[in-house]
């Protein structure tokens, strides 16, 4: 991967699959899903910070 801010071809394909799947979600399901994704991103950030601090 040349640029860390760009998606790989495999990630682009996964995004298309996710796009197709979320089209059928209700507003409430989409909001719940979004909040869970944001929570998981925060947990990931905490893990990365912890690993960098203890490296």
Protein backbone atom coordinates (compact mmCIF):
# COMPACT_ATOMS: atom_id res chain seq x y z
CA UNK A 1 0.00 0.00 0.00
CA UNK A 2 1.52 3.29 -1.09
CA UNK A 3 -0.56 5.73 0.97
CA UNK A 4 -1.84 4.85 4.45
CA UNK A 5 -4.94 7.02 3.90
CA UNK A 6 -6.04 5.09 0.80
CA UNK A 7 -7.96 1.83 0.68
CA UNK A 8 -6.49 -1.27 -0.90
CA UNK A 9 -8.39 -2.94 -3.72
CA UNK A 10 -9.58 -5.61 -1.27
CA UNK A 11 -10.81 -2.93 1.15
CA UNK A 12 -12.62 -1.13 -1.70
CA UNK A 13 -14.39 -4.39 -2.53
CA UNK A 14 -15.38 -4.89 1.13
CA UNK A 15 -16.74 -1.33 1.22
CA UNK A 16 -18.96 -2.08 -1.78
CA UNK A 17 -20.27 -5.20 -0.04
CA UNK A 18 -20.99 -3.15 3.12
CA UNK A 19 -22.71 -0.47 1.02
CA UNK A 20 -25.03 -3.07 -0.45
CA UNK A 21 -25.78 -4.56 2.99
CA UNK A 22 -26.57 -1.29 4.77
CA UNK A 23 -29.09 -0.23 2.12
CA UNK A 24 -31.66 -2.52 3.76
CA UNK A 25 -31.14 -1.26 7.33
CA UNK A 26 -33.77 0.79 9.11
CA UNK A 27 -32.77 4.17 10.55
CA UNK A 28 -32.63 2.70 14.06
CA UNK A 29 -30.49 -0.25 12.92
CA UNK A 30 -28.14 2.10 11.06
CA UNK A 31 -27.75 4.36 14.09
CA UNK A 32 -27.05 1.38 16.37
CA UNK A 33 -24.54 -0.01 13.89
CA UNK A 34 -22.80 3.36 13.52
CA UNK A 35 -22.45 3.81 17.27
CA UNK A 36 -20.96 0.33 17.61
CA UNK A 37 -18.46 1.00 14.81
CA UNK A 38 -17.43 4.28 16.48
CA UNK A 39 -17.03 2.49 19.83
CA UNK A 40 -14.83 -0.16 18.23
CA UNK A 41 -12.70 2.53 16.54
CA UNK A 42 -12.14 4.18 19.93
CA UNK A 43 -11.14 0.86 21.47
CA UNK A 44 -8.71 0.31 18.57
CA UNK A 45 -7.24 3.79 19.12
CA UNK A 46 -6.74 2.99 22.81
CA UNK A 47 -4.99 -0.29 21.97
CA UNK A 48 -2.68 1.42 19.45
CA UNK A 49 -1.84 4.18 21.97
CA UNK A 50 -1.13 1.56 24.65
CA UNK A 51 1.10 -0.43 22.30
CA UNK A 52 3.00 2.69 21.21
CA UNK A 53 3.46 3.81 24.81
CA UNK A 54 4.83 0.41 25.84
CA UNK A 55 6.95 -0.26 22.76
